N, C-alpha and C. Protein backbone atom coordinates (compact mmCIF):
# COMPACT_ATOMS: atom_id res chain seq x y z
N UNK A 1 20.41 -35.80 9.58
CA UNK A 1 21.94 -36.33 10.96
C UNK A 1 23.18 -36.12 9.94
N UNK A 2 23.18 -35.72 8.06
CA UNK A 2 24.30 -35.43 7.68
C UNK A 2 24.69 -33.99 8.47
N UNK A 3 23.83 -33.10 8.62
CA UNK A 3 24.36 -31.89 9.43
C UNK A 3 24.96 -32.39 11.65
N UNK A 4 25.07 -33.14 11.41
CA UNK A 4 25.70 -33.57 12.91
C UNK A 4 26.56 -34.44 12.44
N UNK A 5 26.79 -35.09 11.75
CA UNK A 5 28.08 -36.31 10.79
C UNK A 5 28.69 -34.96 10.74
N UNK A 6 28.13 -33.31 9.84
CA UNK A 6 29.54 -31.98 9.52
C UNK A 6 29.91 -31.36 10.10
N UNK A 7 29.19 -30.98 11.26
CA UNK A 7 28.79 -29.64 12.18
C UNK A 7 29.05 -29.78 13.52
N UNK A 8 29.06 -31.49 13.86
CA UNK A 8 28.61 -31.68 15.20
C UNK A 8 27.84 -30.26 16.09
N UNK A 9 28.12 -29.78 16.37
CA UNK A 9 26.72 -28.91 16.94
C UNK A 9 26.26 -27.84 15.68
N UNK A 10 25.31 -28.40 15.74
CA UNK A 10 24.74 -26.34 14.61
C UNK A 10 25.00 -25.64 15.42
N UNK A 11 24.36 -25.53 16.40
CA UNK A 11 24.08 -24.24 17.49
C UNK A 11 24.89 -24.44 18.55
N UNK A 12 25.59 -23.65 18.61
CA UNK A 12 26.48 -23.42 19.95
C UNK A 12 26.25 -22.46 21.12
N UNK A 13 25.37 -23.25 22.43
CA UNK A 13 25.32 -22.43 23.09
C UNK A 13 25.76 -20.64 23.39
N UNK A 14 27.41 -20.52 22.80
CA UNK A 14 28.03 -19.23 23.75
C UNK A 14 27.37 -18.26 22.60
N UNK A 15 26.79 -18.73 21.61
CA UNK A 15 26.64 -17.97 20.91
C UNK A 15 24.72 -17.47 21.36
N UNK A 16 24.38 -18.05 21.56
CA UNK A 16 22.96 -17.85 22.20
C UNK A 16 22.42 -17.71 23.34
N UNK A 17 23.99 -17.05 24.29
CA UNK A 17 23.13 -17.32 26.32
C UNK A 17 22.38 -16.58 27.00
N UNK A 18 21.70 -15.20 25.28
CA UNK A 18 20.63 -14.76 26.15
C UNK A 18 19.68 -15.00 25.72
N UNK A 19 19.51 -16.33 25.60
CA UNK A 19 18.46 -16.46 25.51
C UNK A 19 18.50 -18.11 26.54
N UNK A 20 19.32 -17.96 27.08
CA UNK A 20 18.49 -18.68 28.28
C UNK A 20 17.38 -17.65 29.73
N UNK A 21 16.57 -18.98 30.22
CA UNK A 21 15.07 -18.36 31.17
C UNK A 21 16.08 -17.15 32.43
N UNK A 22 15.64 -16.05 32.36
CA UNK A 22 16.21 -15.89 33.09
C UNK A 22 16.22 -15.20 34.61
N UNK A 23 14.62 -16.49 34.96
CA UNK A 23 14.01 -16.30 36.00
C UNK A 23 14.75 -17.43 37.55
N UNK A 24 15.42 -17.99 36.78
CA UNK A 24 16.09 -19.23 37.58
C UNK A 24 16.10 -20.74 37.52
N UNK A 25 15.05 -20.57 36.75
CA UNK A 25 14.50 -22.02 36.23
C UNK A 25 15.27 -22.62 35.51
N UNK A 26 16.12 -24.04 35.43
CA UNK A 26 16.98 -24.32 34.97
C UNK A 26 16.30 -24.44 33.67
N UNK A 27 17.67 -23.78 33.09
CA UNK A 27 17.60 -23.67 31.46
C UNK A 27 17.85 -24.61 29.58
N UNK A 28 17.22 -24.95 30.02
CA UNK A 28 17.25 -26.25 28.62
C UNK A 28 18.48 -25.52 27.13
N UNK A 29 19.32 -25.81 26.50
CA UNK A 29 19.78 -25.63 26.04
C UNK A 29 19.14 -24.73 25.43
N UNK A 30 19.27 -23.16 24.70
CA UNK A 30 19.46 -22.71 23.51
C UNK A 30 19.09 -22.80 22.28
N UNK A 31 21.01 -23.56 21.94
CA UNK A 31 21.37 -24.50 21.01
C UNK A 31 20.24 -25.01 20.47
N UNK A 32 20.21 -26.47 21.98
CA UNK A 32 19.61 -27.01 21.35
C UNK A 32 17.81 -27.15 20.65
N UNK A 33 17.59 -26.41 21.92
CA UNK A 33 15.74 -25.95 21.18
C UNK A 33 15.75 -24.69 19.81
N UNK A 34 16.91 -24.43 19.64
CA UNK A 34 17.06 -23.73 18.31
C UNK A 34 16.92 -25.17 17.23
N UNK A 35 17.72 -25.96 16.99
CA UNK A 35 17.73 -26.51 16.17
C UNK A 35 16.89 -27.60 16.23
N UNK A 36 15.74 -27.99 17.17
CA UNK A 36 14.60 -28.07 17.53
C UNK A 36 13.40 -27.41 16.88
N UNK A 37 13.45 -25.73 16.73
CA UNK A 37 12.79 -25.38 16.24
C UNK A 37 12.82 -25.07 14.56
N UNK A 38 14.02 -25.54 14.21
CA UNK A 38 14.39 -25.33 12.62
C UNK A 38 13.29 -27.22 12.45
N UNK A 39 14.20 -28.20 12.99
CA UNK A 39 13.21 -29.55 12.72
C UNK A 39 12.24 -29.47 12.72
N UNK A 40 12.04 -28.58 13.46
CA UNK A 40 9.85 -28.00 13.62
C UNK A 40 9.53 -28.26 12.83
N UNK A 41 10.03 -26.86 12.21
CA UNK A 41 9.58 -26.45 10.17
C UNK A 41 9.48 -26.73 9.54
N UNK A 42 10.90 -27.96 9.65
CA UNK A 42 11.34 -28.15 8.31
C UNK A 42 10.20 -29.54 7.49
N UNK A 43 9.84 -30.31 9.29
CA UNK A 43 8.84 -31.61 9.40
C UNK A 43 7.76 -30.83 9.32
N UNK A 44 7.26 -29.25 9.30
CA UNK A 44 6.39 -28.86 9.76
C UNK A 44 4.62 -28.95 10.69
N UNK A 45 5.79 -29.58 12.39
CA UNK A 45 4.93 -30.27 13.31
C UNK A 45 4.36 -28.89 14.22
N UNK A 46 3.24 -29.61 15.46
CA UNK A 46 3.22 -28.83 15.47
C UNK A 46 4.16 -29.09 17.38
N UNK A 47 4.08 -28.39 18.45
CA UNK A 47 5.19 -27.94 18.69
C UNK A 47 4.77 -29.23 19.84
N UNK A 48 3.91 -29.46 20.06
CA UNK A 48 2.78 -31.10 20.66
C UNK A 48 4.19 -32.19 19.80
N UNK A 49 4.35 -32.27 19.11
CA UNK A 49 4.75 -33.37 18.05
C UNK A 49 6.36 -33.40 17.59
N UNK A 50 7.22 -31.86 17.66
CA UNK A 50 8.25 -31.94 17.74
C UNK A 50 8.81 -31.64 19.27
N UNK A 51 7.78 -32.16 20.43
CA UNK A 51 8.35 -32.20 21.61
C UNK A 51 8.62 -33.56 21.41
N UNK A 52 7.95 -34.76 21.39
CA UNK A 52 7.25 -35.92 21.40
C UNK A 52 8.37 -36.40 20.78
N UNK A 53 8.63 -35.82 19.01
CA UNK A 53 10.64 -36.28 18.13
C UNK A 53 11.26 -36.01 18.94
N UNK A 54 11.38 -35.61 19.93
CA UNK A 54 12.96 -34.79 20.84
C UNK A 54 12.75 -36.65 21.83
N UNK A 55 11.88 -37.09 22.53
CA UNK A 55 11.72 -37.72 22.94
C UNK A 55 11.64 -38.62 22.63
N UNK A 56 11.12 -39.58 21.10
CA UNK A 56 11.28 -40.45 20.46
C UNK A 56 11.83 -41.05 19.31
N UNK A 57 12.36 -40.04 18.90
CA UNK A 57 12.44 -40.97 17.32
C UNK A 57 14.36 -40.03 17.39
N UNK A 58 14.58 -41.49 17.20
CA UNK A 58 16.22 -41.42 17.13
C UNK A 58 17.23 -40.77 15.78
N UNK A 59 16.89 -40.15 14.77
CA UNK A 59 17.54 -39.38 13.95
C UNK A 59 17.66 -38.16 15.13
N UNK A 60 16.46 -37.62 15.93
CA UNK A 60 16.43 -35.97 16.77
C UNK A 60 17.19 -35.91 18.01
N UNK A 61 17.65 -37.66 17.85
CA UNK A 61 18.19 -37.63 19.52
C UNK A 61 19.81 -37.70 18.87
N UNK A 62 20.26 -38.08 17.83
CA UNK A 62 21.23 -37.89 17.15
C UNK A 62 21.61 -36.31 16.56
N UNK A 63 20.74 -35.59 16.31
CA UNK A 63 20.64 -34.42 15.57
C UNK A 63 21.19 -34.19 16.63
N UNK A 64 20.63 -33.56 17.57
CA UNK A 64 20.68 -33.24 18.89
C UNK A 64 21.50 -33.03 20.03
N UNK A 65 22.36 -34.36 19.61
CA UNK A 65 24.03 -35.20 20.56
C UNK A 65 23.08 -35.36 21.82
N UNK A 66 21.86 -36.19 21.74
CA UNK A 66 21.24 -36.02 23.47
C UNK A 66 21.76 -37.98 23.72
N UNK A 67 21.16 -38.27 25.04
CA UNK A 67 21.25 -39.39 25.05
C UNK A 67 20.12 -40.27 23.91
N UNK A 68 20.44 -41.70 24.23
CA UNK A 68 19.17 -42.48 23.94
C UNK A 68 17.63 -42.28 24.55
N UNK A 69 18.40 -42.56 25.79
CA UNK A 69 17.37 -42.34 27.12
C UNK A 69 16.95 -41.17 27.93
N UNK A 70 16.86 -39.67 26.93
CA UNK A 70 16.53 -38.22 27.52
C UNK A 70 15.61 -38.25 27.29
N UNK A 71 14.49 -37.71 28.55
CA UNK A 71 13.32 -37.42 28.86
C UNK A 71 12.64 -36.88 27.83
N UNK A 72 13.85 -35.63 27.06
CA UNK A 72 13.47 -33.97 26.33
C UNK A 72 12.91 -33.40 27.32
N UNK A 73 11.35 -32.63 26.80
CA UNK A 73 10.53 -31.50 27.43
C UNK A 73 9.59 -31.14 27.28
N UNK A 74 8.81 -30.68 27.77
CA UNK A 74 7.20 -30.39 27.83
C UNK A 74 7.29 -29.73 26.66
N UNK A 75 5.92 -30.30 25.51
CA UNK A 75 6.10 -28.75 24.38
C UNK A 75 5.76 -27.35 24.72
N UNK A 76 5.24 -27.09 25.97
CA UNK A 76 5.69 -25.59 26.37
C UNK A 76 6.52 -24.44 26.09
N UNK A 77 7.75 -25.49 26.32
CA UNK A 77 9.26 -24.67 26.44
C UNK A 77 9.48 -24.29 25.48
N UNK A 78 9.18 -24.23 23.79
CA UNK A 78 9.04 -24.63 22.22
C UNK A 78 8.68 -23.02 22.05
N UNK A 79 7.02 -22.82 22.93
CA UNK A 79 6.72 -21.79 22.56
C UNK A 79 7.09 -20.54 23.23
N UNK A 80 7.83 -20.88 24.81
CA UNK A 80 8.85 -19.82 25.62
C UNK A 80 10.30 -18.96 25.10
N UNK A 81 10.54 -20.53 24.34
CA UNK A 81 11.78 -20.32 23.20
C UNK A 81 11.74 -19.24 22.73
N UNK A 82 10.51 -19.33 22.11
CA UNK A 82 10.41 -18.53 20.98
C UNK A 82 9.72 -16.95 20.52
N UNK A 83 9.23 -17.05 22.52
CA UNK A 83 9.41 -16.10 22.89
C UNK A 83 10.62 -15.17 23.03
N UNK A 84 11.29 -15.66 23.91
CA UNK A 84 12.31 -14.81 24.10
C UNK A 84 13.44 -14.58 22.95
N UNK A 85 13.03 -15.37 21.33
CA UNK A 85 14.09 -15.69 20.67
C UNK A 85 13.78 -14.11 19.62
N UNK A 86 11.81 -14.04 19.94
CA UNK A 86 11.77 -12.61 19.72
C UNK A 86 12.39 -11.65 20.14
N UNK A 87 12.06 -11.58 21.67
CA UNK A 87 12.13 -10.38 22.92
C UNK A 87 13.81 -9.64 22.39
N UNK A 88 14.35 -10.94 21.95
CA UNK A 88 15.78 -10.62 22.06
C UNK A 88 16.32 -10.57 20.55
N UNK A 89 15.32 -10.84 19.85
CA UNK A 89 15.39 -10.06 17.95
C UNK A 89 16.68 -10.86 17.62
N UNK A 90 16.50 -12.49 18.35
CA UNK A 90 17.62 -13.43 17.99
C UNK A 90 17.28 -13.93 16.12
N UNK A 91 16.27 -13.85 16.31
CA UNK A 91 15.76 -14.86 14.78
C UNK A 91 16.90 -14.99 13.90
N UNK A 92 16.80 -13.88 13.14
CA UNK A 92 18.06 -13.33 12.39
C UNK A 92 18.68 -13.46 12.40
N UNK A 93 19.41 -13.92 13.79
CA UNK A 93 21.24 -14.30 14.33
C UNK A 93 21.06 -15.76 14.45
N UNK A 94 19.81 -16.23 14.12
CA UNK A 94 19.83 -18.28 14.56
C UNK A 94 20.23 -17.89 13.30
N UNK A 95 19.68 -17.56 11.69
CA UNK A 95 19.15 -17.92 11.35
C UNK A 95 20.82 -17.52 10.18
N UNK A 96 21.01 -16.62 10.82
CA UNK A 96 22.93 -16.55 9.90
C UNK A 96 23.62 -17.21 9.88
N UNK A 97 23.84 -17.84 11.09
CA UNK A 97 24.94 -18.44 12.22
C UNK A 97 24.37 -19.63 11.12
N UNK A 98 22.75 -20.77 11.24
CA UNK A 98 22.79 -21.58 10.42
C UNK A 98 23.29 -21.39 8.84
N UNK A 99 22.97 -20.62 8.57
CA UNK A 99 23.27 -19.70 7.05
C UNK A 99 24.83 -20.30 6.71
N UNK A 100 25.56 -19.42 7.81
CA UNK A 100 27.63 -19.50 7.18
C UNK A 100 27.35 -20.94 8.07
N UNK A 101 27.09 -21.69 8.86
CA UNK A 101 28.10 -22.92 9.28
C UNK A 101 27.17 -24.23 8.14
N UNK A 102 25.88 -24.24 7.34
CA UNK A 102 25.81 -25.24 5.94
C UNK A 102 26.85 -24.93 4.99
N UNK A 103 26.73 -23.68 5.12
CA UNK A 103 28.07 -23.04 3.68
C UNK A 103 29.74 -23.52 3.91
N UNK A 104 29.60 -23.15 4.76
CA UNK A 104 31.29 -23.70 5.16
C UNK A 104 31.23 -25.37 5.20
N UNK A 105 30.10 -25.92 6.12
CA UNK A 105 30.74 -27.24 5.71
C UNK A 105 30.23 -27.94 4.12
N UNK A 106 30.09 -26.98 3.01
CA UNK A 106 29.63 -27.17 1.47
C UNK A 106 28.25 -27.95 1.68
N UNK A 107 27.40 -28.10 2.34
CA UNK A 107 25.67 -28.54 2.79
C UNK A 107 24.66 -27.68 2.19
N UNK A 108 25.76 -25.88 1.84
CA UNK A 108 24.33 -25.41 0.84
C UNK A 108 26.15 -24.26 0.23
N UNK A 109 25.00 -23.81 -1.18
CA UNK A 109 26.06 -23.00 -1.68
C UNK A 109 25.58 -22.10 -2.41
N UNK A 110 26.52 -20.82 -2.15
CA UNK A 110 25.90 -20.01 -2.93
C UNK A 110 26.19 -19.50 -4.04
N UNK A 111 25.21 -18.37 -4.69
CA UNK A 111 24.94 -18.17 -6.33
C UNK A 111 23.92 -19.02 -6.31
N UNK A 112 23.78 -18.66 -8.03
CA UNK A 112 23.00 -19.54 -8.76
C UNK A 112 21.45 -18.32 -9.11
N UNK A 113 20.65 -18.74 -9.57
CA UNK A 113 19.75 -17.79 -10.18
C UNK A 113 18.87 -17.31 -9.09
N UNK A 114 18.63 -18.19 -7.83
CA UNK A 114 17.48 -17.47 -7.17
C UNK A 114 18.87 -17.28 -5.27
N UNK A 115 18.44 -16.16 -4.97
CA UNK A 115 18.67 -15.85 -3.94
C UNK A 115 17.62 -15.81 -2.95
N UNK A 116 18.17 -16.64 -1.43
CA UNK A 116 16.97 -16.00 -0.58
C UNK A 116 17.28 -15.42 0.43
N UNK A 117 16.94 -14.03 0.92
CA UNK A 117 17.56 -13.06 2.22
C UNK A 117 17.00 -13.42 3.48
N UNK A 118 18.41 -13.62 4.51
CA UNK A 118 17.26 -14.08 5.90
C UNK A 118 15.97 -13.24 6.08
N UNK A 119 15.91 -11.68 5.80
CA UNK A 119 15.40 -10.76 6.11
C UNK A 119 13.85 -11.37 5.26
N UNK A 120 13.82 -11.14 4.26
CA UNK A 120 12.60 -12.28 3.76
C UNK A 120 11.96 -13.07 3.68
N UNK A 121 13.06 -14.32 4.29
CA UNK A 121 12.83 -15.48 4.98
C UNK A 121 12.03 -15.11 6.45
N UNK A 122 12.54 -14.06 7.07
CA UNK A 122 11.82 -13.92 8.56
C UNK A 122 10.92 -13.36 7.96
N UNK A 123 10.67 -12.30 7.25
CA UNK A 123 8.60 -11.25 7.22
C UNK A 123 8.05 -12.69 6.59
N UNK A 124 8.54 -14.03 5.98
CA UNK A 124 6.99 -14.57 5.33
C UNK A 124 6.62 -15.05 6.62
N UNK A 125 7.74 -16.14 7.38
CA UNK A 125 7.92 -16.43 8.42
C UNK A 125 6.98 -15.75 9.91
N UNK A 126 6.91 -14.33 9.85
CA UNK A 126 6.10 -13.52 11.19
C UNK A 126 4.63 -12.94 9.93
N UNK A 127 4.47 -13.23 9.12
CA UNK A 127 3.09 -13.01 7.95
C UNK A 127 2.40 -13.88 8.61
N UNK A 128 2.94 -15.97 8.43
CA UNK A 128 2.32 -16.38 8.68
C UNK A 128 2.28 -16.60 10.10
N UNK A 129 3.01 -16.23 10.99
CA UNK A 129 2.73 -16.94 12.52
C UNK A 129 1.80 -15.26 12.71
N UNK A 130 1.73 -14.44 12.31
CA UNK A 130 0.45 -13.60 13.13
C UNK A 130 -0.86 -13.98 11.93
N UNK A 131 -1.15 -14.41 11.36
CA UNK A 131 -2.41 -14.94 10.62
C UNK A 131 -2.83 -16.29 11.68
N UNK A 132 -1.79 -17.38 12.08
CA UNK A 132 -2.01 -18.13 13.26
C UNK A 132 -2.58 -18.10 14.39
N UNK A 133 -1.93 -16.33 14.80
CA UNK A 133 -2.36 -15.74 15.96
C UNK A 133 -3.74 -15.62 15.77
N UNK A 134 -4.36 -14.76 15.12
CA UNK A 134 -5.11 -14.00 14.39
C UNK A 134 -6.49 -15.32 14.58
N UNK A 135 -6.20 -16.80 13.43
CA UNK A 135 -6.82 -17.04 14.01
C UNK A 135 -7.22 -18.26 15.29
N UNK A 136 -5.98 -18.58 15.89
CA UNK A 136 -6.30 -19.26 16.88
C UNK A 136 -6.71 -18.18 18.67
N UNK A 137 -6.77 -17.38 17.71
CA UNK A 137 -7.61 -15.52 18.65
C UNK A 137 -9.01 -16.37 18.66
N UNK A 138 -9.45 -16.08 17.52
CA UNK A 138 -10.77 -15.98 17.13
C UNK A 138 -11.25 -17.79 17.64
N UNK A 139 -10.27 -18.49 17.21
CA UNK A 139 -11.03 -20.05 17.72
C UNK A 139 -11.58 -20.00 19.41
N UNK A 140 -10.42 -19.58 20.26
CA UNK A 140 -10.56 -19.76 21.31
C UNK A 140 -11.14 -18.84 21.86
N UNK A 141 -11.63 -17.52 21.21
CA UNK A 141 -13.17 -17.08 21.57
C UNK A 141 -14.40 -17.52 21.26
N UNK A 142 -14.59 -18.35 19.71
CA UNK A 142 -15.07 -18.97 19.66
C UNK A 142 -16.43 -20.14 20.65
N UNK A 143 -15.29 -20.54 21.53
CA UNK A 143 -14.92 -21.86 22.37
C UNK A 143 -15.51 -21.28 23.44
N UNK A 144 -15.40 -19.93 23.46
CA UNK A 144 -15.52 -19.67 25.25
C UNK A 144 -16.93 -18.88 24.87
N UNK A 145 -17.04 -18.30 23.78
CA UNK A 145 -19.04 -18.23 23.46
C UNK A 145 -19.44 -19.53 23.81
N UNK A 146 -19.05 -19.92 22.68
CA UNK A 146 -19.32 -21.29 22.72
C UNK A 146 -20.81 -21.51 24.26
N UNK A 147 -18.99 -21.99 24.95
CA UNK A 147 -19.52 -22.73 26.51
C UNK A 147 -20.56 -21.39 27.99
N UNK A 148 -20.25 -20.39 27.26
CA UNK A 148 -20.92 -19.84 27.95
C UNK A 148 -22.34 -18.86 27.39
N UNK A 149 -22.34 -18.81 26.34
CA UNK A 149 -23.89 -18.71 25.98
C UNK A 149 -24.32 -19.03 24.35
N UNK A 150 -23.76 -20.30 24.28
CA UNK A 150 -24.53 -21.34 22.95
C UNK A 150 -25.81 -20.35 21.81
N UNK A 151 -26.25 -20.03 22.73
CA UNK A 151 -28.39 -20.27 22.11
C UNK A 151 -27.51 -18.25 21.21
N UNK A 152 -26.80 -17.55 21.65
CA UNK A 152 -26.40 -16.56 21.55
C UNK A 152 -25.17 -16.17 20.38
N UNK A 153 -24.69 -17.46 20.03
CA UNK A 153 -23.41 -17.58 18.93
C UNK A 153 -24.22 -18.47 17.78
N UNK A 154 -25.02 -19.38 18.13
CA UNK A 154 -26.11 -19.78 16.89
C UNK A 154 -25.59 -19.41 15.09
N UNK A 155 -26.81 -18.56 16.32
CA UNK A 155 -27.20 -17.77 15.02
C UNK A 155 -25.74 -17.14 13.79
N UNK A 156 -24.99 -16.45 14.76
CA UNK A 156 -24.17 -15.79 14.30
C UNK A 156 -22.97 -17.13 13.19
N UNK A 157 -22.63 -18.05 13.40
CA UNK A 157 -21.91 -19.27 12.82
C UNK A 157 -22.33 -18.81 11.01
N UNK A 158 -21.46 -19.63 11.08
CA UNK A 158 -21.67 -19.70 9.22
C UNK A 158 -20.24 -20.79 9.10
N UNK A 159 -21.18 -21.06 7.90
CA UNK A 159 -20.91 -22.75 7.30
C UNK A 159 -19.11 -23.43 7.13
N UNK A 160 -18.09 -21.54 6.96
CA UNK A 160 -17.13 -22.16 6.90
C UNK A 160 -16.44 -22.15 7.97
N UNK A 161 -17.31 -21.62 9.22
CA UNK A 161 -16.26 -21.50 10.12
C UNK A 161 -16.14 -23.16 11.59
N UNK A 162 -16.67 -24.00 10.85
CA UNK A 162 -15.78 -25.43 11.49
C UNK A 162 -14.65 -25.54 10.73
N UNK A 163 -14.34 -25.38 9.33
CA UNK A 163 -13.59 -25.45 8.71
C UNK A 163 -12.11 -24.67 9.03
N UNK A 164 -12.62 -23.47 9.42
CA UNK A 164 -11.78 -22.69 9.54
C UNK A 164 -11.22 -22.48 11.47
N UNK A 165 -12.26 -22.65 12.53
CA UNK A 165 -12.30 -22.70 13.20
C UNK A 165 -12.52 -24.18 14.34
N UNK A 166 -12.08 -25.44 13.37
CA UNK A 166 -12.89 -26.60 14.42
C UNK A 166 -11.60 -27.01 14.84
N UNK A 167 -10.50 -26.97 14.54
CA UNK A 167 -9.34 -27.48 14.95
C UNK A 167 -7.86 -26.43 15.55
N UNK A 168 -7.53 -26.45 16.11
CA UNK A 168 -5.87 -25.37 15.81
C UNK A 168 -5.61 -24.93 14.57
N UNK A 169 -5.68 -23.67 14.61
CA UNK A 169 -4.94 -22.76 13.38
C UNK A 169 -3.92 -23.16 12.88
N UNK A 170 -3.24 -24.28 12.31
CA UNK A 170 -1.45 -24.10 12.12
C UNK A 170 -1.90 -23.71 10.48
N UNK A 171 -1.33 -22.77 9.96
CA UNK A 171 -1.17 -22.21 8.78
C UNK A 171 1.10 -23.34 8.79
N UNK A 172 0.39 -23.99 7.43
CA UNK A 172 1.92 -24.38 6.94
C UNK A 172 2.33 -23.63 5.64
N UNK A 173 1.30 -23.94 5.39
CA UNK A 173 1.46 -22.79 3.57
C UNK A 173 -0.21 -22.61 3.40
N UNK A 174 0.19 -20.94 2.93
CA UNK A 174 -1.64 -20.77 2.78
C UNK A 174 -1.47 -21.59 1.03
N UNK A 175 -2.98 -21.81 0.54
CA UNK A 175 -2.93 -21.87 -0.49
C UNK A 175 -2.62 -20.66 -1.25
N UNK A 176 -2.70 -20.86 -2.16
CA UNK A 176 -2.91 -19.36 -3.12
C UNK A 176 -2.17 -18.28 -2.97
N UNK A 177 -0.70 -18.71 -2.26
CA UNK A 177 -0.28 -17.68 -2.29
C UNK A 177 -0.21 -16.14 -1.40
N UNK A 178 0.00 -15.25 -1.93
CA UNK A 178 0.05 -14.17 -1.58
C UNK A 178 -1.56 -13.66 -1.82
N UNK A 179 -2.20 -13.88 -2.50
CA UNK A 179 -3.26 -13.32 -2.41
C UNK A 179 -4.41 -14.24 -1.54
N UNK A 180 -3.84 -15.55 -1.63
CA UNK A 180 -4.42 -16.38 0.03
C UNK A 180 -4.47 -16.48 1.01
N UNK A 181 -2.85 -15.51 1.32
CA UNK A 181 -2.53 -15.19 2.63
C UNK A 181 -3.75 -13.65 2.96
N UNK A 182 -3.97 -13.08 1.79
CA UNK A 182 -4.66 -11.53 2.26
C UNK A 182 -5.91 -12.09 2.14
N UNK A 183 -6.57 -13.25 1.43
CA UNK A 183 -8.06 -13.28 1.98
C UNK A 183 -8.49 -13.71 3.05
N UNK A 184 -7.51 -15.11 3.52
CA UNK A 184 -7.33 -15.72 4.95
C UNK A 184 -7.51 -14.36 5.80
N UNK A 185 -6.09 -13.48 6.39
CA UNK A 185 -6.63 -12.49 6.59
C UNK A 185 -8.16 -11.49 6.33
N UNK A 186 -9.03 -11.31 4.94
CA UNK A 186 -9.75 -10.26 5.52
C UNK A 186 -11.15 -11.03 5.80
N UNK A 187 -10.80 -12.85 5.74
CA UNK A 187 -11.79 -13.53 6.41
C UNK A 187 -11.75 -13.94 7.65
N UNK A 188 -11.09 -13.28 8.76
CA UNK A 188 -10.53 -13.73 9.79
C UNK A 188 -11.02 -12.20 10.36
N UNK A 189 -11.07 -11.13 9.65
CA UNK A 189 -11.04 -9.75 9.73
C UNK A 189 -12.95 -10.08 10.14
N UNK A 190 -13.68 -10.28 8.83
CA UNK A 190 -15.10 -10.13 8.50
C UNK A 190 -15.47 -11.27 9.50
N UNK A 191 -14.82 -12.32 10.16
CA UNK A 191 -15.85 -12.69 11.20
C UNK A 191 -15.41 -11.88 12.64
N UNK A 192 -13.97 -11.34 13.08
CA UNK A 192 -13.98 -10.62 13.98
C UNK A 192 -15.26 -9.97 14.38
N UNK A 193 -15.01 -9.05 13.20
CA UNK A 193 -15.86 -7.84 13.12
C UNK A 193 -17.59 -8.77 13.25
N UNK A 194 -18.10 -9.37 12.94
CA UNK A 194 -18.97 -9.42 13.14
C UNK A 194 -19.41 -10.21 14.61
N UNK A 195 -18.60 -10.76 15.54
CA UNK A 195 -19.22 -10.89 16.33
C UNK A 195 -18.49 -10.12 17.87
N UNK A 196 -17.84 -9.03 17.53
CA UNK A 196 -17.74 -7.58 17.69
C UNK A 196 -18.71 -7.12 17.60
N UNK A 197 -19.33 -7.08 16.57
CA UNK A 197 -20.83 -6.16 16.39
C UNK A 197 -22.11 -6.89 16.76
N UNK A 198 -21.89 -8.19 17.11
CA UNK A 198 -22.89 -8.90 17.40
C UNK A 198 -23.15 -8.18 19.20
N UNK A 199 -21.88 -8.39 19.64
CA UNK A 199 -21.79 -8.27 21.02
C UNK A 199 -22.42 -7.24 21.78
């Protein structure tokens, strides 16, 4: 709410006009979708939860400049927006605009002992997103195998798989830092190789 009070619109559409859909569908404001993505990340929400927050939360509606009765959008819009963001290589531009606007408004200060470059933030995000995609791919494959041939799959299942693949893989923070991320990536790799070798 403070961002809205100080900045009015954080991400202006004209800076992100290339992120409107190109297939003739009515386009939601890329500036608003960019802010939803930032709020979603800040609160560690799934796409469904973020779309629900846009529909139901007054603080989100205020930050986005929406009317109280605005119906919001389907959660799939966020995934499509992220795909366009990646295609246009616009994630760095989005971060730079946000940092510039927040610094101008006095909400962020430069200097101090620690400096976070947009490149490092994006690289960390890509690593986590890559881990999520690998984990989700394995989870989807296991679900399909369980439906198609449960007798074939049962002897391969390990006790940790329930914790790893029992629900949607969403990695907000990998415990153990870099070593934890490496260990999780290796576990995904071992599990995938085990299924592939048995196929």
